[in-house]
Amino acid sequence: MVLRDKIFPKILISFLVLFMSCNSSDEVKIRTGSIEEALKVASQSKKNLVVIVTYPGCPTCDILLSSATKKNEFTEVLSHFVVYDFNVLNPANSWVEQWMFEKAYPIACVFSPEGKLITLIENGDINKIEKVLTKIAANEQDKSIYDYSKTRLTVKGKELVETLNASFQGYRVLNQNKATNEAINKAILNVKTSVAKESYFFNNYVLSKLYYKIKDTTSAAKYTQTALNFSSTMDAVLYPPLRAELKYQLNNKYDQYDDAYLAIKQTTRDIGKIERSKKPVISFQVKNVGKKPLLIKEVVVSCSCTAAQWPKKNIMPGEEANIDLTYKPGKEGVFQQTAYIISNAFNSSVTITINGYVQ
C-alpha cells in the first residue's frame, strides 16, 4: 500500500507533464505585427512563417482564423510554423496587396526563416492550406506546393512565387536604411529578371526606387514611366500613393492638383427608409479641382442590386458632374452598398456608399 501510494503520484505527475507538453506543442499563437517583426520571430524560432492575409468582415477569413486556434488536424500542422495575421487595413500591411496585386482574401503566404517566399495559397480553403503546409513541414517541397498559387497577375504557380519573391526581396532592401550598393544592385538584378517574366506596377515601382537610391536617375525614370503606364481598375485601386511617390521622384515640384483631381461633397449618403417596391436614385456631385481634364473610366458597384450612371465625357477643370446610383432592394432590413469611382485623377479610386432601411 505504501509503495503504491509513492509510485502512483509520480506516474500521475509524469503523465500530466507529458500531456501538457504534447498539448502545448499543438497550440497555435496567431500574432500580429509587421513583416520584419514576423520574420525576426521566425528566424529566432527556426521555423517557417505563415502569414494569413485578411480583411475585416470577411467571413472566410474569420472561419480560417477560428479554425487555426481549435484543436484539430489543421492546428497540429500549423503548430510547426510561426503564424501571423496581416489585416490589410493596418497601415503597416498596406504594401501586401500592392505586392501581390490582389484584393480577394484570405491568402496564406509561407516564408522561410531567412525571409524567402516559399509559396502562396489563395482563397482560404483550409484543406488546401493544410495539404500544402503538411508538405512544407515534412520538407517535401515538390511542385504540388504551387498548385494554389494564384493572384490577379497572369503568371501562376512556381513562376508567380518567384516573381513575387523577387519584388518582395527588392522591397525589403528598399526599406533598409543602411543597404549597401552591393545589396541594392543584387536586388535590382533579381527584380529585373522577374520583370522580364511578369511586369506589373509594383515590381517596376521597386526597380525605380532602387535605382533612385543609388542615384541612377535615368534608369529610375525609365521604370517610373513604365509603372505609371499601368492603368487597370486594380492599378487605380491599389497604387494611388505609390504613383504620387513616383511622380514626385520625377519632379520634386509636382503637386497633386497638377493632374485631374476628383473632389466630392459627400462620400456617404443615408437615404433613410424606402419601400421594397421602389428603386431610389441617389446622386453624388463631383468636381474636377485639378488642372487637367477628368475622365471617369468606370464606377464599380459591390452588388448587382446597384446600377451606376456616370458622365462618359471629360470633366474639365472647375466643372461639376453627377454620379447616380440606382438601388433595387432585395429584402427588408438595413442595407449598405458601396461603389468605387475609377478615374484618371490623382486620387484614381474614390469610394462612395449608400445606406438605409428597406421596409
Protein backbone atom coordinates (compact mmCIF):
# COMPACT_ATOMS: atom_id res chain seq x y z
CA MET A 1 0.00 0.00 0.00
CA VAL A 2 2.81 2.39 0.91
CA LEU A 3 4.71 1.54 -2.29
CA ARG A 4 1.59 2.13 -4.38
CA ASP A 5 0.98 5.49 -2.67
CA LYS A 6 4.52 6.57 -3.54
CA ILE A 7 4.55 5.35 -7.15
CA PHE A 8 1.07 6.46 -8.21
CA PRO A 9 1.63 10.24 -7.64
CA LYS A 10 4.89 10.03 -9.59
CA ILE A 11 3.15 8.31 -12.51
CA LEU A 12 0.34 10.84 -12.38
CA ILE A 13 2.75 13.80 -12.39
CA SER A 14 4.74 12.29 -15.27
CA PHE A 15 1.53 11.75 -17.22
CA LEU A 16 0.38 15.32 -16.64
CA VAL A 17 3.76 16.75 -17.66
CA LEU A 18 3.73 14.62 -20.82
CA PHE A 19 0.12 15.60 -21.57
CA MET A 20 0.79 19.30 -21.08
CA SER A 21 3.95 19.07 -23.18
CA CYS A 22 2.12 17.38 -26.06
CA ASN A 23 -0.85 19.67 -25.75
CA SER A 24 1.22 22.87 -25.74
CA SER A 25 3.18 21.78 -28.81
CA ASP A 26 -0.05 21.81 -30.80
CA GLU A 27 -1.10 25.24 -29.62
CA VAL A 28 -1.08 27.93 -32.29
CA LYS A 29 -0.46 31.52 -31.33
CA ILE A 30 -1.63 33.92 -34.01
CA ARG A 31 0.44 37.07 -33.76
CA THR A 32 0.10 40.49 -35.36
CA GLY A 33 2.83 42.91 -36.37
CA SER A 34 4.99 44.00 -39.29
CA ILE A 35 6.63 41.66 -41.79
CA GLU A 36 10.08 42.38 -40.36
CA GLU A 37 8.87 41.55 -36.85
CA ALA A 38 7.31 38.34 -38.14
CA LEU A 39 10.45 37.29 -39.99
CA LYS A 40 12.56 38.03 -36.91
CA VAL A 41 10.38 35.73 -34.79
CA ALA A 42 10.53 33.04 -37.49
CA SER A 43 14.31 33.34 -37.68
CA GLN A 44 14.75 33.13 -33.91
CA SER A 45 12.35 30.15 -33.74
CA LYS A 46 14.00 28.49 -36.75
CA LYS A 47 10.54 27.89 -38.17
CA ASN A 48 8.85 28.76 -41.42
CA LEU A 49 6.42 31.67 -41.26
CA VAL A 50 2.75 31.55 -42.32
CA VAL A 51 1.19 34.95 -42.96
CA ILE A 52 -2.60 34.88 -43.24
CA VAL A 53 -3.66 37.99 -45.16
CA THR A 54 -7.15 39.04 -44.05
CA TYR A 55 -9.74 41.78 -44.40
CA PRO A 56 -12.20 42.88 -41.66
CA GLY A 57 -15.70 41.49 -42.14
CA CYS A 58 -14.53 38.72 -44.47
CA PRO A 59 -16.44 35.55 -43.34
CA THR A 60 -13.91 33.15 -44.88
CA CYS A 61 -11.10 35.00 -43.08
CA ASP A 62 -12.92 34.63 -39.76
CA ILE A 63 -13.50 30.90 -40.33
CA LEU A 64 -9.85 30.33 -41.21
CA LEU A 65 -8.53 32.22 -38.17
CA SER A 66 -11.01 30.45 -35.90
CA SER A 67 -10.03 27.02 -37.23
CA ALA A 68 -6.37 27.87 -36.65
CA THR A 69 -6.95 28.13 -32.89
CA LYS A 70 -9.06 24.99 -32.37
CA LYS A 71 -7.78 21.51 -31.60
CA ASN A 72 -7.82 19.72 -34.96
CA GLU A 73 -5.54 18.34 -37.66
CA PHE A 74 -5.14 21.81 -39.19
CA THR A 75 -3.91 23.21 -35.87
CA GLU A 76 -1.47 20.32 -35.48
CA VAL A 77 0.08 21.19 -38.86
CA LEU A 78 0.14 24.92 -38.08
CA SER A 79 1.94 24.27 -34.79
CA HIS A 80 5.11 23.64 -36.81
CA PHE A 81 5.04 27.24 -38.10
CA VAL A 82 5.13 30.78 -36.77
CA VAL A 83 1.71 32.24 -37.65
CA TYR A 84 0.80 35.89 -38.22
CA ASP A 85 -2.47 37.59 -39.17
CA PHE A 86 -1.95 40.55 -41.52
CA ASN A 87 -5.04 42.76 -41.67
CA VAL A 88 -4.63 44.76 -44.89
CA LEU A 89 -6.38 47.79 -43.36
CA ASN A 90 -3.49 48.11 -40.92
CA PRO A 91 -1.21 50.78 -42.46
CA ALA A 92 1.83 48.60 -41.69
CA ASN A 93 0.41 45.96 -44.02
CA SER A 94 -0.86 48.16 -46.87
CA TRP A 95 2.05 47.04 -49.06
CA VAL A 96 0.87 43.39 -49.05
CA GLU A 97 -1.99 43.67 -51.54
CA GLN A 98 0.07 46.10 -53.64
CA TRP A 99 2.83 43.49 -53.77
CA MET A 100 0.50 40.56 -54.55
CA PHE A 101 -1.76 42.53 -56.95
CA GLU A 102 -4.81 41.10 -55.23
CA LYS A 103 -7.84 42.16 -53.19
CA ALA A 104 -9.54 38.79 -52.59
CA TYR A 105 -8.98 37.35 -49.12
CA PRO A 106 -7.84 35.38 -47.25
CA ILE A 107 -4.49 34.41 -48.75
CA ALA A 108 -1.80 32.41 -46.96
CA CYS A 109 1.84 33.26 -47.69
CA VAL A 110 4.61 30.96 -46.48
CA PHE A 111 8.13 32.30 -45.89
CA SER A 112 11.33 30.55 -44.86
CA PRO A 113 13.10 31.71 -41.66
CA GLU A 114 15.52 33.56 -43.96
CA GLY A 115 12.65 35.55 -45.50
CA LYS A 116 12.26 33.78 -48.84
CA LEU A 117 8.71 33.34 -50.15
CA ILE A 118 8.13 29.58 -50.35
CA THR A 119 4.59 29.61 -51.70
CA LEU A 120 1.26 31.41 -51.68
CA ILE A 121 -2.15 29.77 -51.25
CA GLU A 122 -5.27 31.55 -52.50
CA ASN A 123 -8.87 31.66 -51.22
CA GLY A 124 -8.55 30.34 -47.66
CA ASP A 125 -9.58 26.73 -48.27
CA ILE A 126 -8.46 25.01 -45.06
CA ASN A 127 -7.98 21.61 -46.71
CA LYS A 128 -5.75 23.10 -49.42
CA ILE A 129 -3.70 25.10 -46.91
CA GLU A 130 -3.30 22.04 -44.67
CA LYS A 131 -2.23 19.90 -47.64
CA VAL A 132 0.48 22.37 -48.70
CA LEU A 133 1.72 23.10 -45.17
CA THR A 134 1.98 19.38 -44.42
CA LYS A 135 4.32 19.02 -47.40
CA ILE A 136 6.42 22.00 -46.33
CA ALA A 137 6.62 20.86 -42.69
CA ALA A 138 7.86 17.46 -43.89
CA ASN A 139 10.42 19.09 -46.23
CA GLU A 140 8.63 17.55 -49.22
CA GLN A 141 8.57 20.70 -51.33
CA ASP A 142 7.62 19.31 -54.72
CA LYS A 143 5.72 21.19 -57.43
CA SER A 144 2.38 20.47 -55.72
CA ILE A 145 3.05 23.23 -53.17
CA TYR A 146 2.36 25.70 -56.01
CA ASP A 147 -1.00 24.18 -57.01
CA TYR A 148 -2.96 27.03 -55.41
CA SER A 149 -0.53 29.88 -56.07
CA LYS A 150 -2.64 32.46 -57.90
CA THR A 151 -3.34 36.18 -57.79
CA ARG A 152 -4.61 38.55 -60.48
CA LEU A 153 -1.19 38.55 -62.12
CA THR A 154 -1.00 36.48 -65.29
CA VAL A 155 1.77 34.14 -64.12
CA LYS A 156 0.73 31.28 -61.83
CA GLY A 157 2.31 28.56 -59.74
CA LYS A 158 6.05 28.49 -59.19
CA GLU A 159 6.64 31.32 -61.67
CA LEU A 160 4.29 33.57 -59.69
CA VAL A 161 6.07 32.73 -56.43
CA GLU A 162 9.45 33.53 -57.99
CA THR A 163 8.12 36.83 -59.37
CA LEU A 164 6.65 37.85 -56.02
CA ASN A 165 9.73 36.74 -54.11
CA ALA A 166 11.98 38.93 -56.28
CA SER A 167 9.85 42.04 -55.75
CA PHE A 168 9.49 41.23 -52.04
CA GLN A 169 13.25 40.95 -51.55
CA GLY A 170 13.73 44.18 -53.51
CA TYR A 171 11.11 45.91 -51.35
CA ARG A 172 12.91 44.78 -48.18
CA VAL A 173 16.22 46.16 -49.44
CA LEU A 174 14.47 49.38 -50.42
CA ASN A 175 13.31 49.85 -46.84
CA GLN A 176 16.71 49.22 -45.27
CA ASN A 177 18.32 52.46 -44.13
CA LYS A 178 21.86 51.14 -44.48
CA ALA A 179 21.58 48.89 -47.51
CA THR A 180 24.90 48.61 -49.34
CA ASN A 181 25.25 49.30 -53.05
CA GLU A 182 26.13 45.63 -53.46
CA ALA A 183 22.83 44.58 -51.86
CA ILE A 184 20.88 47.11 -53.92
CA ASN A 185 22.48 46.02 -57.20
CA LYS A 186 21.80 42.36 -56.38
CA ALA A 187 18.15 43.21 -55.68
CA ILE A 188 17.92 45.19 -58.94
CA LEU A 189 19.25 42.22 -60.93
CA ASN A 190 16.72 39.84 -59.37
CA VAL A 191 13.76 42.17 -59.86
CA LYS A 192 14.76 42.89 -63.48
CA THR A 193 14.79 39.14 -64.13
CA SER A 194 11.26 38.86 -62.74
CA VAL A 195 10.03 41.87 -64.74
CA ALA A 196 11.01 40.04 -67.91
CA LYS A 197 8.50 37.31 -66.95
CA GLU A 198 5.76 39.47 -65.43
CA SER A 199 5.84 43.24 -65.49
CA TYR A 200 3.35 44.97 -63.21
CA PHE A 201 3.19 48.24 -61.32
CA PHE A 202 4.80 47.07 -58.09
CA ASN A 203 7.97 45.47 -59.42
CA ASN A 204 8.56 48.47 -61.71
CA TYR A 205 7.96 50.76 -58.71
CA VAL A 206 10.54 48.81 -56.68
CA LEU A 207 13.06 48.97 -59.53
CA SER A 208 12.58 52.71 -59.93
CA LYS A 209 13.07 53.35 -56.21
CA LEU A 210 16.12 51.08 -56.02
CA TYR A 211 17.79 52.83 -58.95
CA TYR A 212 16.96 56.19 -57.39
CA LYS A 213 18.56 55.02 -54.15
CA ILE A 214 21.91 54.56 -55.94
CA LYS A 215 21.40 57.87 -57.80
CA ASP A 216 20.84 56.31 -61.23
CA THR A 217 18.08 58.77 -62.12
CA THR A 218 17.97 57.78 -65.80
CA SER A 219 17.11 54.15 -65.04
CA ALA A 220 14.79 55.28 -62.24
CA ALA A 221 12.86 57.49 -64.68
CA LYS A 222 12.58 54.62 -67.17
CA TYR A 223 10.90 52.31 -64.68
CA THR A 224 8.80 55.13 -63.26
CA GLN A 225 7.30 55.73 -66.70
CA THR A 226 6.64 52.02 -67.14
CA ALA A 227 4.92 51.81 -63.76
CA LEU A 228 2.77 54.88 -64.41
CA ASN A 229 1.54 53.36 -67.67
CA PHE A 230 -0.36 50.63 -65.80
CA SER A 231 -3.93 51.89 -65.61
CA SER A 232 -6.32 48.99 -64.99
CA THR A 233 -9.07 49.20 -62.39
CA MET A 234 -6.92 47.23 -59.96
CA ASP A 235 -3.99 49.59 -60.55
CA ALA A 236 -6.28 52.55 -59.85
CA VAL A 237 -7.48 50.99 -56.60
CA LEU A 238 -4.13 49.74 -55.28
CA TYR A 239 -1.49 52.28 -56.19
CA PRO A 240 -2.53 55.97 -55.81
CA PRO A 241 0.01 56.73 -53.02
CA LEU A 242 2.82 54.92 -54.85
CA ARG A 243 2.00 56.70 -58.11
CA ALA A 244 2.28 60.00 -56.25
CA GLU A 245 5.70 58.96 -54.90
CA LEU A 246 6.97 58.22 -58.40
CA LYS A 247 5.61 61.45 -59.85
CA TYR A 248 7.29 63.46 -57.12
CA GLN A 249 10.50 61.49 -57.70
CA LEU A 250 10.39 62.56 -61.36
CA ASN A 251 9.63 66.17 -60.49
CA ASN A 252 10.04 67.47 -56.94
CA LYS A 253 7.75 70.39 -57.77
CA TYR A 254 4.89 68.03 -58.58
CA ASP A 255 1.58 68.79 -56.87
CA GLN A 256 -1.45 66.51 -56.69
CA TYR A 257 -3.59 69.18 -58.34
CA ASP A 258 -1.31 69.28 -61.38
CA ASP A 259 -3.33 66.29 -62.60
CA ALA A 260 -7.08 65.90 -62.60
CA TYR A 261 -8.39 65.69 -59.03
CA LEU A 262 -11.83 64.37 -58.11
CA ALA A 263 -13.44 66.29 -55.26
CA ILE A 264 -16.72 65.08 -53.81
CA LYS A 265 -19.02 66.77 -51.30
CA GLN A 266 -20.32 63.57 -49.69
CA THR A 267 -18.92 60.08 -49.93
CA THR A 268 -21.73 58.53 -47.85
CA ARG A 269 -25.47 59.06 -48.29
CA ASP A 270 -28.09 57.79 -45.84
CA ILE A 271 -31.40 57.65 -47.70
CA GLY A 272 -33.46 56.59 -44.69
CA LYS A 273 -36.48 54.31 -45.08
CA ILE A 274 -37.57 53.14 -48.53
CA GLU A 275 -40.27 50.80 -49.78
CA ARG A 276 -39.24 47.45 -51.20
CA SER A 277 -41.07 48.17 -54.47
CA LYS A 278 -39.15 51.41 -55.10
CA LYS A 279 -35.85 51.94 -56.93
CA PRO A 280 -34.34 55.11 -55.46
CA VAL A 281 -31.73 57.07 -57.41
CA ILE A 282 -29.02 58.65 -55.28
CA SER A 283 -26.81 61.36 -56.77
CA PHE A 284 -23.24 62.20 -55.79
CA GLN A 285 -21.88 65.52 -57.02
CA VAL A 286 -18.23 65.53 -58.07
CA LYS A 287 -15.97 68.34 -59.21
CA ASN A 288 -12.65 68.42 -61.01
CA VAL A 289 -10.45 70.68 -58.88
CA GLY A 290 -7.26 69.71 -60.73
CA LYS A 291 -5.57 71.30 -63.73
CA LYS A 292 -6.18 68.54 -66.29
CA PRO A 293 -9.40 67.03 -67.72
CA LEU A 294 -11.00 64.39 -65.51
CA LEU A 295 -12.23 61.19 -67.15
CA ILE A 296 -14.28 58.75 -65.10
CA LYS A 297 -13.41 55.34 -66.55
CA GLU A 298 -15.99 53.31 -64.67
CA VAL A 299 -17.94 53.04 -61.46
CA VAL A 300 -17.61 49.57 -59.96
CA VAL A 301 -20.54 48.53 -57.75
CA SER A 302 -20.38 45.95 -54.97
CA CYS A 303 -23.66 44.22 -55.86
CA SER A 304 -25.83 43.58 -58.92
CA CYS A 305 -28.66 45.23 -56.97
CA THR A 306 -27.00 48.60 -57.62
CA ALA A 307 -26.56 50.23 -61.04
CA ALA A 308 -24.33 53.23 -61.75
CA GLN A 309 -24.51 56.05 -64.28
CA TRP A 310 -21.66 58.50 -64.83
CA PRO A 311 -20.54 61.07 -67.41
CA LYS A 312 -18.60 59.46 -70.25
CA LYS A 313 -17.00 62.70 -71.47
CA ASN A 314 -14.15 64.64 -69.91
CA ILE A 315 -14.98 66.83 -66.94
CA MET A 316 -12.90 69.93 -67.47
CA PRO A 317 -11.04 71.76 -64.65
CA GLY A 318 -13.58 73.57 -62.46
CA GLU A 319 -16.57 71.67 -63.87
CA GLU A 320 -19.04 69.60 -61.86
CA ALA A 321 -20.97 66.43 -62.71
CA ASN A 322 -23.22 63.84 -61.07
CA ILE A 323 -22.76 60.14 -60.48
CA ASP A 324 -26.07 58.34 -59.94
CA LEU A 325 -26.56 55.06 -58.11
CA THR A 326 -29.88 53.25 -58.56
CA TYR A 327 -30.64 50.75 -55.82
CA LYS A 328 -33.04 47.83 -56.26
CA PRO A 329 -33.99 46.45 -52.82
CA GLY A 330 -33.76 42.69 -52.48
CA LYS A 331 -35.07 42.18 -48.95
CA GLU A 332 -36.31 44.10 -45.95
CA GLY A 333 -33.95 45.49 -43.35
CA VAL A 334 -30.80 47.58 -43.14
CA PHE A 335 -28.65 47.78 -46.27
CA GLN A 336 -25.33 49.28 -47.31
CA GLN A 337 -23.95 49.39 -50.85
CA THR A 338 -20.54 50.58 -51.97
CA ALA A 339 -19.23 51.78 -55.33
CA TYR A 340 -15.73 52.71 -56.50
CA ILE A 341 -15.20 55.65 -58.83
CA ILE A 342 -12.27 54.78 -61.08
CA SER A 343 -10.75 57.69 -63.00
CA ASN A 344 -7.58 59.24 -64.38
CA ALA A 345 -7.40 61.58 -61.37
CA PHE A 346 -4.58 61.80 -58.87
CA ASN A 347 -6.98 60.11 -56.44
CA SER A 348 -7.77 57.42 -59.00
CA SER A 349 -10.13 55.41 -56.80
CA VAL A 350 -12.77 57.09 -54.64
CA THR A 351 -15.26 55.08 -52.59
CA ILE A 352 -18.90 56.14 -52.24
CA THR A 353 -21.53 54.45 -50.07
CA ILE A 354 -25.31 54.45 -49.75
CA ASN A 355 -27.19 53.02 -46.80
CA GLY A 356 -30.72 52.94 -45.49
CA TYR A 357 -33.57 50.70 -44.42
CA VAL A 358 -35.97 48.73 -46.62
CA GLN A 359 -39.47 48.42 -45.16
